[in-house]
């Protein structure tokens, strides 16, 4: 199709102009091709999902099981289109591909050459996933296929070469360190840094605290934790939206 469009249009343009415009032609034809692949894959997926509706659960990973067979078919159809878009010159196209195939996300998130499953995933805003990380809403363990939705809330950071298992919920401002493996159905608490294999709490995220407009101080002798309001870089006309009261907050150290 891309070649047919090029041949049809280029015959009306002098050859020397076509040679000058060749890089632009190749760029345009590449995206005509990959968007065509995405549209065809989407059409097949709509048909497949009408025949067998996707669902979460634990299924036998064996030939003849319809849940397993249709999961494999959906995965292969989506992988083809997403692979082309992920290797294109414009990084935003892979974000469009994920949205096109049903991942709930916006363009404020960054995948950084990570591998992310293409169904049963919900991203909030400003999610950053490091290079080499695998986010799996479905996986095969032994003779079983597990499919469970993954939810990532706002401002989540996942370090490179980590593994995110099905069913995980990562709360606001949480951080998962590099080379960390989560477990099935794990809950990552808000504002904490997790690390190790399997992932466990390491410490509070100082960046999450700073984004709240507070500085946290600890009085070791009195065993008290203080949150002191600090100035944040924000336009004056918007300061009232985020402004806290000017009193320090005191609470017991956890």
C-alpha atoms as a PDB file:
ATOM      1  CA  UNK A   1       0.000   0.000   0.000  1.00  0.00           C
ATOM      2  CA  UNK A   2       2.788   2.445   0.932  1.00  0.00           C
ATOM      3  CA  UNK A   3       4.658   1.683  -2.295  1.00  0.00           C
ATOM      4  CA  UNK A   4       1.489   2.075  -4.353  1.00  0.00           C
ATOM      5  CA  UNK A   5       0.844   5.531  -2.862  1.00  0.00           C
ATOM      6  CA  UNK A   6       4.444   6.574  -3.553  1.00  0.00           C
ATOM      7  CA  UNK A   7       4.365   5.390  -7.177  1.00  0.00           C
ATOM      8  CA  UNK A   8       1.002   7.017  -7.816  1.00  0.00           C
ATOM      9  CA  UNK A   9       2.030  10.431  -6.489  1.00  0.00           C
ATOM     10  CA  UNK A  10       5.669  10.511  -7.576  1.00  0.00           C
ATOM     11  CA  UNK A  11       4.875  10.105 -11.274  1.00  0.00           C
ATOM     12  CA  UNK A  12       3.513  13.668 -11.296  1.00  0.00           C
ATOM     13  CA  UNK A  13       6.756  15.067  -9.797  1.00  0.00           C
ATOM     14  CA  UNK A  14      10.045  15.453 -11.757  1.00  0.00           C
ATOM     15  CA  UNK A  15      12.638  12.796 -10.911  1.00  0.00           C
ATOM     16  CA  UNK A  16      15.203  15.261  -9.562  1.00  0.00           C
ATOM     17  CA  UNK A  17      12.664  16.670  -7.117  1.00  0.00           C
ATOM     18  CA  UNK A  18      11.740  13.119  -6.056  1.00  0.00           C
ATOM     19  CA  UNK A  19      15.420  12.417  -5.356  1.00  0.00           C
ATOM     20  CA  UNK A  20      15.647  15.542  -3.191  1.00  0.00           C
ATOM     21  CA  UNK A  21      12.470  14.576  -1.313  1.00  0.00           C
ATOM     22  CA  UNK A  22      13.432  10.907  -0.935  1.00  0.00           C
ATOM     23  CA  UNK A  23      14.212  11.041   2.854  1.00  0.00           C
ATOM     24  CA  UNK A  24      10.866  12.706   3.473  1.00  0.00           C
ATOM     25  CA  UNK A  25       9.113  10.150   1.274  1.00  0.00           C
ATOM     26  CA  UNK A  26      10.684   7.278   3.195  1.00  0.00           C
ATOM     27  CA  UNK A  27       9.619   8.817   6.508  1.00  0.00           C
ATOM     28  CA  UNK A  28       6.030   9.296   5.346  1.00  0.00           C
ATOM     29  CA  UNK A  29       5.799   5.850   3.754  1.00  0.00           C
ATOM     30  CA  UNK A  30       7.148   4.188   6.907  1.00  0.00           C
ATOM     31  CA  UNK A  31       4.387   5.733   9.033  1.00  0.00           C
ATOM     32  CA  UNK A  32       1.713   4.957   6.463  1.00  0.00           C
ATOM     33  CA  UNK A  33       2.883   1.346   6.703  1.00  0.00           C
ATOM     34  CA  UNK A  34       2.957   1.058  10.508  1.00  0.00           C
ATOM     35  CA  UNK A  35      -0.355   2.863  10.985  1.00  0.00           C
ATOM     36  CA  UNK A  36      -1.816   0.485   8.409  1.00  0.00           C
ATOM     37  CA  UNK A  37      -0.461  -2.478  10.404  1.00  0.00           C
ATOM     38  CA  UNK A  38      -1.955  -1.022  13.601  1.00  0.00           C
ATOM     39  CA  UNK A  39      -5.355  -0.483  11.975  1.00  0.00           C
ATOM     40  CA  UNK A  40      -5.414  -4.033  10.574  1.00  0.00           C
ATOM     41  CA  UNK A  41      -4.367  -5.498  13.955  1.00  0.00           C
ATOM     42  CA  UNK A  42      -7.068  -3.498  15.731  1.00  0.00           C
ATOM     43  CA  UNK A  43      -9.718  -4.719  13.305  1.00  0.00           C
ATOM     44  CA  UNK A  44      -8.728  -8.350  13.891  1.00  0.00           C
ATOM     45  CA  UNK A  45      -8.694  -7.796  17.669  1.00  0.00           C
ATOM     46  CA  UNK A  46     -12.221  -6.400  17.654  1.00  0.00           C
ATOM     47  CA  UNK A  47     -13.373  -9.493  15.794  1.00  0.00           C
ATOM     48  CA  UNK A  48     -11.459 -11.863  18.093  1.00  0.00           C
ATOM     49  CA  UNK A  49     -12.818 -10.174  21.245  1.00  0.00           C
ATOM     50  CA  UNK A  50     -16.365 -10.543  19.904  1.00  0.00           C
ATOM     51  CA  UNK A  51     -15.775 -14.295  19.580  1.00  0.00           C
ATOM     52  CA  UNK A  52     -14.024 -14.696  22.963  1.00  0.00           C
ATOM     53  CA  UNK A  53     -14.067 -11.823  25.458  1.00  0.00           C
ATOM     54  CA  UNK A  54     -10.777 -11.319  27.394  1.00  0.00           C
ATOM     55  CA  UNK A  55     -10.952 -11.899  31.141  1.00  0.00           C
ATOM     56  CA  UNK A  56      -8.739 -12.026  34.206  1.00  0.00           C
ATOM     57  CA  UNK A  57      -7.995 -15.178  36.141  1.00  0.00           C
ATOM     58  CA  UNK A  58      -5.831 -18.295  36.303  1.00  0.00           C
ATOM     59  CA  UNK A  59      -6.117 -20.637  33.325  1.00  0.00           C
ATOM     60  CA  UNK A  60      -4.513 -23.875  32.157  1.00  0.00           C
ATOM     61  CA  UNK A  61      -1.683 -23.036  29.738  1.00  0.00           C
ATOM     62  CA  UNK A  62      -2.345 -25.869  27.348  1.00  0.00           C
ATOM     63  CA  UNK A  63      -3.415 -26.327  23.745  1.00  0.00           C
ATOM     64  CA  UNK A  64      -7.174 -26.492  23.373  1.00  0.00           C
ATOM     65  CA  UNK A  65      -7.937 -24.173  26.297  1.00  0.00           C
ATOM     66  CA  UNK A  66      -9.796 -21.232  24.658  1.00  0.00           C
ATOM     67  CA  UNK A  67      -8.653 -18.670  27.266  1.00  0.00           C
ATOM     68  CA  UNK A  68      -5.023 -19.621  26.608  1.00  0.00           C
ATOM     69  CA  UNK A  69      -5.359 -19.856  22.826  1.00  0.00           C
ATOM     70  CA  UNK A  70      -7.095 -16.491  22.425  1.00  0.00           C
ATOM     71  CA  UNK A  71      -4.625 -14.837  24.823  1.00  0.00           C
ATOM     72  CA  UNK A  72      -1.763 -16.017  22.592  1.00  0.00           C
ATOM     73  CA  UNK A  73      -3.544 -14.731  19.494  1.00  0.00           C
ATOM     74  CA  UNK A  74      -4.221 -11.309  21.035  1.00  0.00           C
ATOM     75  CA  UNK A  75      -0.621 -11.015  22.219  1.00  0.00           C
ATOM     76  CA  UNK A  76       0.884 -11.795  18.829  1.00  0.00           C
ATOM     77  CA  UNK A  77      -1.374  -9.386  16.958  1.00  0.00           C
ATOM     78  CA  UNK A  78      -0.519  -6.528  19.312  1.00  0.00           C
ATOM     79  CA  UNK A  79       3.202  -7.258  19.451  1.00  0.00           C
ATOM     80  CA  UNK A  80       3.579  -6.879  15.700  1.00  0.00           C
ATOM     81  CA  UNK A  81       2.170  -3.347  15.566  1.00  0.00           C
ATOM     82  CA  UNK A  82       3.813  -2.181  18.803  1.00  0.00           C
ATOM     83  CA  UNK A  83       7.229  -3.492  17.693  1.00  0.00           C
ATOM     84  CA  UNK A  84       7.134  -1.367  14.526  1.00  0.00           C
ATOM     85  CA  UNK A  85       6.077   1.741  16.454  1.00  0.00           C
ATOM     86  CA  UNK A  86       8.571   1.215  19.261  1.00  0.00           C
ATOM     87  CA  UNK A  87      11.430   1.133  16.732  1.00  0.00           C
ATOM     88  CA  UNK A  88      10.308   4.206  14.813  1.00  0.00           C
ATOM     89  CA  UNK A  89      12.043   7.610  14.864  1.00  0.00           C
ATOM     90  CA  UNK A  90       9.243   9.374  16.801  1.00  0.00           C
ATOM     91  CA  UNK A  91       9.006   8.228  20.450  1.00  0.00           C
ATOM     92  CA  UNK A  92       5.400   9.348  20.959  1.00  0.00           C
ATOM     93  CA  UNK A  93       4.088   6.817  18.437  1.00  0.00           C
ATOM     94  CA  UNK A  94       4.586   3.880  20.803  1.00  0.00           C
ATOM     95  CA  UNK A  95       2.501   5.753  23.406  1.00  0.00           C
ATOM     96  CA  UNK A  96      -0.218   6.108  20.797  1.00  0.00           C
ATOM     97  CA  UNK A  97       0.048   2.364  20.077  1.00  0.00           C
ATOM     98  CA  UNK A  98      -0.505   1.409  23.713  1.00  0.00           C
ATOM     99  CA  UNK A  99      -3.530   3.717  23.935  1.00  0.00           C
ATOM    100  CA  UNK A 100      -4.848   2.364  20.621  1.00  0.00           C
ATOM    101  CA  UNK A 101      -4.745  -1.218  21.937  1.00  0.00           C
ATOM    102  CA  UNK A 102      -6.407  -0.471  25.271  1.00  0.00           C
ATOM    103  CA  UNK A 103      -3.730   0.530  27.799  1.00  0.00           C
ATOM    104  CA  UNK A 104      -5.160   3.385  29.878  1.00  0.00           C
ATOM    105  CA  UNK A 105      -2.447   6.065  29.850  1.00  0.00           C
ATOM    106  CA  UNK A 106      -1.682   9.588  28.663  1.00  0.00           C
ATOM    107  CA  UNK A 107       1.340  11.178  27.001  1.00  0.00           C
ATOM    108  CA  UNK A 108       2.878  12.381  30.293  1.00  0.00           C
ATOM    109  CA  UNK A 109       4.363   8.922  30.942  1.00  0.00           C
ATOM    110  CA  UNK A 110       7.677   7.562  29.631  1.00  0.00           C
ATOM    111  CA  UNK A 111       8.502   3.921  28.952  1.00  0.00           C
ATOM    112  CA  UNK A 112      12.237   4.336  28.147  1.00  0.00           C
ATOM    113  CA  UNK A 113      12.594   1.161  26.044  1.00  0.00           C
ATOM    114  CA  UNK A 114      10.747  -0.996  28.579  1.00  0.00           C
ATOM    115  CA  UNK A 115       8.569  -3.965  27.679  1.00  0.00           C
ATOM    116  CA  UNK A 116       4.962  -3.383  28.781  1.00  0.00           C
ATOM    117  CA  UNK A 117       2.059  -5.777  28.244  1.00  0.00           C
ATOM    118  CA  UNK A 118      -0.704  -4.416  26.067  1.00  0.00           C
ATOM    119  CA  UNK A 119      -3.845  -5.197  28.051  1.00  0.00           C
ATOM    120  CA  UNK A 120      -5.122  -5.035  31.639  1.00  0.00           C
ATOM    121  CA  UNK A 121      -2.841  -2.111  32.538  1.00  0.00           C
ATOM    122  CA  UNK A 122      -3.893   1.282  33.904  1.00  0.00           C
ATOM    123  CA  UNK A 123      -1.373   4.129  34.145  1.00  0.00           C
ATOM    124  CA  UNK A 124      -2.185   7.388  35.911  1.00  0.00           C
ATOM    125  CA  UNK A 125      -0.029  10.479  35.201  1.00  0.00           C
ATOM    126  CA  UNK A 126       3.735  11.011  35.008  1.00  0.00           C
ATOM    127  CA  UNK A 127       4.813   7.368  35.141  1.00  0.00           C
ATOM    128  CA  UNK A 128       8.479   6.668  34.337  1.00  0.00           C
ATOM    129  CA  UNK A 129       9.605   3.118  33.562  1.00  0.00           C
ATOM    130  CA  UNK A 130      13.320   2.484  33.130  1.00  0.00           C
ATOM    131  CA  UNK A 131      15.110   0.735  30.303  1.00  0.00           C
ATOM    132  CA  UNK A 132      14.901  -3.049  30.273  1.00  0.00           C
ATOM    133  CA  UNK A 133      12.021  -3.246  32.739  1.00  0.00           C
ATOM    134  CA  UNK A 134       9.243  -5.766  32.096  1.00  0.00           C
ATOM    135  CA  UNK A 135       5.671  -4.926  33.180  1.00  0.00           C
ATOM    136  CA  UNK A 136       3.577  -8.118  32.955  1.00  0.00           C
ATOM    137  CA  UNK A 137      -0.177  -8.177  33.416  1.00  0.00           C
ATOM    138  CA  UNK A 138      -0.035 -11.778  32.233  1.00  0.00           C
ATOM    139  CA  UNK A 139       2.546 -14.507  32.686  1.00  0.00           C
ATOM    140  CA  UNK A 140       2.899 -18.268  32.464  1.00  0.00           C
ATOM    141  CA  UNK A 141       4.097 -20.149  35.537  1.00  0.00           C
ATOM    142  CA  UNK A 142       4.450 -23.870  35.014  1.00  0.00           C
ATOM    143  CA  UNK A 143       1.197 -25.138  33.503  1.00  0.00           C
ATOM    144  CA  UNK A 144      -0.834 -22.042  34.338  1.00  0.00           C
ATOM    145  CA  UNK A 145      -1.515 -18.680  32.699  1.00  0.00           C
ATOM    146  CA  UNK A 146      -2.125 -15.805  35.141  1.00  0.00           C
ATOM    147  CA  UNK A 147      -3.886 -12.645  33.935  1.00  0.00           C
ATOM    148  CA  UNK A 148      -4.460  -9.818  36.438  1.00  0.00           C
ATOM    149  CA  UNK A 149      -4.753  -6.049  35.986  1.00  0.00           C
ATOM    150  CA  UNK A 150      -1.839  -3.782  36.960  1.00  0.00           C
ATOM    151  CA  UNK A 151      -2.504  -0.281  38.331  1.00  0.00           C
ATOM    152  CA  UNK A 152       0.104   2.483  38.598  1.00  0.00           C
ATOM    153  CA  UNK A 153      -0.903   5.740  40.279  1.00  0.00           C
ATOM    154  CA  UNK A 154       0.573   9.242  39.789  1.00  0.00           C
ATOM    155  CA  UNK A 155       4.328  10.006  39.794  1.00  0.00           C
ATOM    156  CA  UNK A 156       5.489   6.399  40.009  1.00  0.00           C
ATOM    157  CA  UNK A 157       9.122   5.690  39.139  1.00  0.00           C
ATOM    158  CA  UNK A 158      10.346   2.187  38.230  1.00  0.00           C
ATOM    159  CA  UNK A 159      14.076   1.659  37.811  1.00  0.00           C
ATOM    160  CA  UNK A 160      15.663  -0.222  34.936  1.00  0.00           C
ATOM    161  CA  UNK A 161      15.820  -4.017  34.554  1.00  0.00           C
ATOM    162  CA  UNK A 162      12.999  -4.618  37.039  1.00  0.00           C
ATOM    163  CA  UNK A 163      10.094  -7.064  36.811  1.00  0.00           C
ATOM    164  CA  UNK A 164       6.538  -6.007  37.631  1.00  0.00           C
ATOM    165  CA  UNK A 165       4.254  -8.994  38.245  1.00  0.00           C
ATOM    166  CA  UNK A 166       0.520  -9.323  37.456  1.00  0.00           C
ATOM    167  CA  UNK A 167      -1.958  -7.810  39.900  1.00  0.00           C
ATOM    168  CA  UNK A 168       0.445  -5.264  41.383  1.00  0.00           C
ATOM    169  CA  UNK A 169      -0.835  -1.875  42.585  1.00  0.00           C
ATOM    170  CA  UNK A 170       1.772   0.890  42.892  1.00  0.00           C
ATOM    171  CA  UNK A 171       0.519   3.872  44.899  1.00  0.00           C
ATOM    172  CA  UNK A 172       1.250   7.577  44.346  1.00  0.00           C
ATOM    173  CA  UNK A 173       4.868   8.779  44.523  1.00  0.00           C
ATOM    174  CA  UNK A 174       6.243   5.261  45.057  1.00  0.00           C
ATOM    175  CA  UNK A 175       9.631   4.209  43.663  1.00  0.00           C
ATOM    176  CA  UNK A 176      10.833   0.748  42.690  1.00  0.00           C
ATOM    177  CA  UNK A 177      14.611   0.475  42.471  1.00  0.00           C
ATOM    178  CA  UNK A 178      16.573  -0.993  39.584  1.00  0.00           C
ATOM    179  CA  UNK A 179      16.943  -4.799  39.391  1.00  0.00           C
ATOM    180  CA  UNK A 180      13.908  -5.282  41.653  1.00  0.00           C
ATOM    181  CA  UNK A 181      11.336  -8.064  41.281  1.00  0.00           C
ATOM    182  CA  UNK A 182       7.803  -7.686  42.596  1.00  0.00           C
ATOM    183  CA  UNK A 183       5.446 -10.537  43.437  1.00  0.00           C
ATOM    184  CA  UNK A 184       1.905 -11.374  42.340  1.00  0.00           C
ATOM    185  CA  UNK A 185      -0.796  -9.031  43.786  1.00  0.00           C
ATOM    186  CA  UNK A 186       1.746  -6.975  45.738  1.00  0.00           C
ATOM    187  CA  UNK A 187       0.723  -3.530  47.027  1.00  0.00           C
ATOM    188  CA  UNK A 188       3.475  -0.879  46.840  1.00  0.00           C
ATOM    189  CA  UNK A 189       2.681   1.773  49.441  1.00  0.00           C
ATOM    190  CA  UNK A 190       2.511   5.477  48.713  1.00  0.00           C
ATOM    191  CA  UNK A 191       5.725   7.495  49.026  1.00  0.00           C
ATOM    192  CA  UNK A 192       8.023   4.527  49.733  1.00  0.00           C
ATOM    193  CA  UNK A 193      11.105   3.218  47.950  1.00  0.00           C
ATOM    194  CA  UNK A 194      11.110  -0.542  47.360  1.00  0.00           C
ATOM    195  CA  UNK A 195      14.133  -2.633  46.514  1.00  0.00           C
ATOM    196  CA  UNK A 196      15.443  -6.241  46.429  1.00  0.00           C
ATOM    197  CA  UNK A 197      14.114  -9.597  45.278  1.00  0.00           C
ATOM    198  CA  UNK A 198      11.316  -9.863  46.167  1.00  0.00           C
ATOM    199  CA  UNK A 199      10.600  -6.124  46.536  1.00  0.00           C
ATOM    200  CA  UNK A 200      10.394  -4.818  50.091  1.00  0.00           C
ATOM    201  CA  UNK A 201      10.323  -1.418  51.784  1.00  0.00           C
ATOM    202  CA  UNK A 202      13.678   0.329  51.888  1.00  0.00           C
ATOM    203  CA  UNK A 203      12.981   3.920  52.960  1.00  0.00           C
ATOM    204  CA  UNK A 204      10.689   6.904  52.510  1.00  0.00           C
ATOM    205  CA  UNK A 205      11.089   8.759  49.212  1.00  0.00           C
ATOM    206  CA  UNK A 206      12.556  12.202  49.899  1.00  0.00           C
ATOM    207  CA  UNK A 207      11.375  13.376  46.478  1.00  0.00           C
ATOM    208  CA  UNK A 208       7.795  12.478  47.341  1.00  0.00           C
ATOM    209  CA  UNK A 209       8.088  14.506  50.541  1.00  0.00           C
ATOM    210  CA  UNK A 210       9.536  17.521  48.692  1.00  0.00           C
ATOM    211  CA  UNK A 211       6.725  17.499  46.143  1.00  0.00           C
ATOM    212  CA  UNK A 212       4.266  17.981  49.006  1.00  0.00           C
ATOM    213  CA  UNK A 213       5.869  21.347  49.792  1.00  0.00           C
ATOM    214  CA  UNK A 214       7.289  20.150  53.130  1.00  0.00           C
ATOM    215  CA  UNK A 215      10.668  19.346  54.629  1.00  0.00           C
ATOM    216  CA  UNK A 216      10.690  16.396  57.016  1.00  0.00           C
ATOM    217  CA  UNK A 217      12.896  16.731  60.117  1.00  0.00           C
ATOM    218  CA  UNK A 218      13.393  14.142  62.833  1.00  0.00           C
ATOM    219  CA  UNK A 219      14.251  14.886  66.451  1.00  0.00           C
ATOM    220  CA  UNK A 220      15.968  11.641  67.450  1.00  0.00           C
ATOM    221  CA  UNK A 221      16.103  12.362  71.189  1.00  0.00           C
ATOM    222  CA  UNK A 222      12.424  13.278  71.430  1.00  0.00           C
ATOM    223  CA  UNK A 223      11.478  10.573  68.913  1.00  0.00           C
ATOM    224  CA  UNK A 224       9.368  13.068  67.000  1.00  0.00           C
ATOM    225  CA  UNK A 225       8.938  13.674  63.290  1.00  0.00           C
ATOM    226  CA  UNK A 226       8.250  17.213  62.057  1.00  0.00           C
ATOM    227  CA  UNK A 227       6.869  18.332  58.702  1.00  0.00           C
ATOM    228  CA  UNK A 228       7.875  21.961  58.064  1.00  0.00           C
ATOM    229  CA  UNK A 229       6.324  23.941  55.221  1.00  0.00           C
ATOM    230  CA  UNK A 230       8.841  25.046  52.587  1.00  0.00           C
ATOM    231  CA  UNK A 231       8.642  27.369  49.600  1.00  0.00           C
ATOM    232  CA  UNK A 232       8.028  25.625  46.290  1.00  0.00           C
ATOM    233  CA  UNK A 233       8.695  26.920  42.796  1.00  0.00           C
ATOM    234  CA  UNK A 234       5.235  27.885  41.552  1.00  0.00           C
ATOM    235  CA  UNK A 235       3.648  30.876  39.843  1.00  0.00           C
ATOM    236  CA  UNK A 236       2.139  33.417  42.220  1.00  0.00           C
ATOM    237  CA  UNK A 237      -1.316  33.224  40.629  1.00  0.00           C
ATOM    238  CA  UNK A 238      -1.402  29.480  41.304  1.00  0.00           C
ATOM    239  CA  UNK A 239       0.132  29.474  44.780  1.00  0.00           C
ATOM    240  CA  UNK A 240      -3.249  29.524  46.547  1.00  0.00           C
ATOM    241  CA  UNK A 241      -4.116  26.179  44.964  1.00  0.00           C
ATOM    242  CA  UNK A 242      -1.285  24.314  46.671  1.00  0.00           C
ATOM    243  CA  UNK A 243      -0.703  26.480  49.714  1.00  0.00           C
ATOM    244  CA  UNK A 244      -0.772  24.683  53.051  1.00  0.00           C
ATOM    245  CA  UNK A 245      -1.266  26.275  56.441  1.00  0.00           C
ATOM    246  CA  UNK A 246       1.918  27.762  57.908  1.00  0.00           C
ATOM    247  CA  UNK A 247       1.978  25.638  61.019  1.00  0.00           C
ATOM    248  CA  UNK A 248       4.448  22.809  61.409  1.00  0.00           C
ATOM    249  CA  UNK A 249       2.929  19.365  61.837  1.00  0.00           C
ATOM    250  CA  UNK A 250       4.187  17.019  64.460  1.00  0.00           C
ATOM    251  CA  UNK A 251       3.716  13.290  64.679  1.00  0.00           C
ATOM    252  CA  UNK A 252       5.403  10.297  66.250  1.00  0.00           C
ATOM    253  CA  UNK A 253       8.278   8.739  64.330  1.00  0.00           C
ATOM    254  CA  UNK A 254       7.195   5.470  62.714  1.00  0.00           C
END
